[in-house]
């Protein structure tokens, strides 16, 4: 049976994952919403493209057990 995970825990999971994937400490969460049986966390993070700073938006989908089901990111 699935356990309920709090909004704060979902944000922590998404931020930790994005920090590791993008190798940055600055992750900004803009929105957290529950869609059906999953949580969706959206936000932005800085990236370096050939020496130039850019912003990237991301979306992390997390299930009610705290497992990441999918991610998507793109340049702003």
C-alpha atoms as a PDB file:
ATOM      1  CA  UNK A   1       0.000   0.000   0.000  1.00  0.00           C
ATOM      2  CA  UNK A   2       1.332   3.435  -0.926  1.00  0.00           C
ATOM      3  CA  UNK A   3       2.231   5.829   1.819  1.00  0.00           C
ATOM      4  CA  UNK A   4       1.402   9.504   1.687  1.00  0.00           C
ATOM      5  CA  UNK A   5       4.393  11.780   1.252  1.00  0.00           C
ATOM      6  CA  UNK A   6       4.309  15.430   2.274  1.00  0.00           C
ATOM      7  CA  UNK A   7       4.761  18.391  -0.014  1.00  0.00           C
ATOM      8  CA  UNK A   8       7.947  19.331   1.867  1.00  0.00           C
ATOM      9  CA  UNK A   9       9.415  15.846   1.371  1.00  0.00           C
ATOM     10  CA  UNK A  10       8.587  15.948  -2.316  1.00  0.00           C
ATOM     11  CA  UNK A  11      10.407  19.287  -2.669  1.00  0.00           C
ATOM     12  CA  UNK A  12      13.467  17.912  -0.834  1.00  0.00           C
ATOM     13  CA  UNK A  13      13.591  14.835  -3.081  1.00  0.00           C
ATOM     14  CA  UNK A  14      13.304  16.918  -6.268  1.00  0.00           C
ATOM     15  CA  UNK A  15      15.931  19.459  -5.154  1.00  0.00           C
ATOM     16  CA  UNK A  16      18.408  16.749  -4.109  1.00  0.00           C
ATOM     17  CA  UNK A  17      17.923  14.954  -7.422  1.00  0.00           C
ATOM     18  CA  UNK A  18      18.360  18.107  -9.520  1.00  0.00           C
ATOM     19  CA  UNK A  19      21.447  19.171  -7.550  1.00  0.00           C
ATOM     20  CA  UNK A  20      23.034  15.833  -8.342  1.00  0.00           C
ATOM     21  CA  UNK A  21      21.953  15.741 -12.010  1.00  0.00           C
ATOM     22  CA  UNK A  22      22.900  19.343 -12.841  1.00  0.00           C
ATOM     23  CA  UNK A  23      25.915  19.591 -10.503  1.00  0.00           C
ATOM     24  CA  UNK A  24      24.717  22.851  -8.951  1.00  0.00           C
ATOM     25  CA  UNK A  25      23.662  24.031  -5.513  1.00  0.00           C
ATOM     26  CA  UNK A  26      21.128  26.621  -6.727  1.00  0.00           C
ATOM     27  CA  UNK A  27      17.776  24.988  -7.405  1.00  0.00           C
ATOM     28  CA  UNK A  28      14.625  27.088  -7.231  1.00  0.00           C
ATOM     29  CA  UNK A  29      11.270  25.369  -6.829  1.00  0.00           C
ATOM     30  CA  UNK A  30       8.446  27.372  -8.385  1.00  0.00           C
ATOM     31  CA  UNK A  31       5.473  25.029  -7.987  1.00  0.00           C
ATOM     32  CA  UNK A  32       4.492  21.729  -6.431  1.00  0.00           C
ATOM     33  CA  UNK A  33       1.201  20.108  -7.331  1.00  0.00           C
ATOM     34  CA  UNK A  34      -0.424  16.728  -6.968  1.00  0.00           C
ATOM     35  CA  UNK A  35      -1.633  15.274 -10.262  1.00  0.00           C
ATOM     36  CA  UNK A  36      -3.599  12.046  -9.890  1.00  0.00           C
ATOM     37  CA  UNK A  37      -1.338   9.686  -7.899  1.00  0.00           C
ATOM     38  CA  UNK A  38       1.885  11.648  -8.462  1.00  0.00           C
ATOM     39  CA  UNK A  39       3.524  14.872  -7.327  1.00  0.00           C
ATOM     40  CA  UNK A  40       4.920  17.251  -9.955  1.00  0.00           C
ATOM     41  CA  UNK A  41       7.680  19.679  -8.942  1.00  0.00           C
ATOM     42  CA  UNK A  42       8.590  22.504 -11.315  1.00  0.00           C
ATOM     43  CA  UNK A  43      11.358  25.053 -11.034  1.00  0.00           C
ATOM     44  CA  UNK A  44      14.566  26.473 -12.469  1.00  0.00           C
ATOM     45  CA  UNK A  45      18.293  25.979 -12.125  1.00  0.00           C
ATOM     46  CA  UNK A  46      21.370  27.636 -13.649  1.00  0.00           C
ATOM     47  CA  UNK A  47      23.533  25.786 -16.167  1.00  0.00           C
ATOM     48  CA  UNK A  48      26.787  26.636 -17.908  1.00  0.00           C
ATOM     49  CA  UNK A  49      26.816  26.353 -21.690  1.00  0.00           C
ATOM     50  CA  UNK A  50      30.255  26.879 -23.139  1.00  0.00           C
ATOM     51  CA  UNK A  51      31.175  29.397 -20.455  1.00  0.00           C
ATOM     52  CA  UNK A  52      27.897  31.309 -20.583  1.00  0.00           C
ATOM     53  CA  UNK A  53      25.296  31.141 -17.806  1.00  0.00           C
ATOM     54  CA  UNK A  54      21.785  30.063 -18.822  1.00  0.00           C
ATOM     55  CA  UNK A  55      18.633  29.220 -16.929  1.00  0.00           C
ATOM     56  CA  UNK A  56      16.944  25.875 -17.349  1.00  0.00           C
ATOM     57  CA  UNK A  57      13.430  24.935 -16.273  1.00  0.00           C
ATOM     58  CA  UNK A  58      12.737  21.472 -14.954  1.00  0.00           C
ATOM     59  CA  UNK A  59       9.893  19.181 -14.010  1.00  0.00           C
ATOM     60  CA  UNK A  60      10.283  16.169 -11.721  1.00  0.00           C
ATOM     61  CA  UNK A  61       7.463  13.635 -11.282  1.00  0.00           C
ATOM     62  CA  UNK A  62       7.502  11.762  -7.961  1.00  0.00           C
ATOM     63  CA  UNK A  63       5.142   8.979  -6.870  1.00  0.00           C
ATOM     64  CA  UNK A  64       3.512   8.696  -3.437  1.00  0.00           C
ATOM     65  CA  UNK A  65       6.356   6.426  -2.267  1.00  0.00           C
ATOM     66  CA  UNK A  66       8.929   9.148  -2.941  1.00  0.00           C
ATOM     67  CA  UNK A  67      10.381   7.561  -6.075  1.00  0.00           C
ATOM     68  CA  UNK A  68      11.180   9.643  -9.138  1.00  0.00           C
ATOM     69  CA  UNK A  69       9.062   8.501 -12.076  1.00  0.00           C
ATOM     70  CA  UNK A  70      10.331  10.960 -14.659  1.00  0.00           C
ATOM     71  CA  UNK A  71      12.017  14.280 -15.376  1.00  0.00           C
ATOM     72  CA  UNK A  72      11.992  16.876 -18.101  1.00  0.00           C
ATOM     73  CA  UNK A  73      14.136  19.962 -18.552  1.00  0.00           C
ATOM     74  CA  UNK A  74      14.588  22.663 -21.188  1.00  0.00           C
ATOM     75  CA  UNK A  75      16.238  26.042 -21.630  1.00  0.00           C
ATOM     76  CA  UNK A  76      14.205  29.093 -20.735  1.00  0.00           C
END
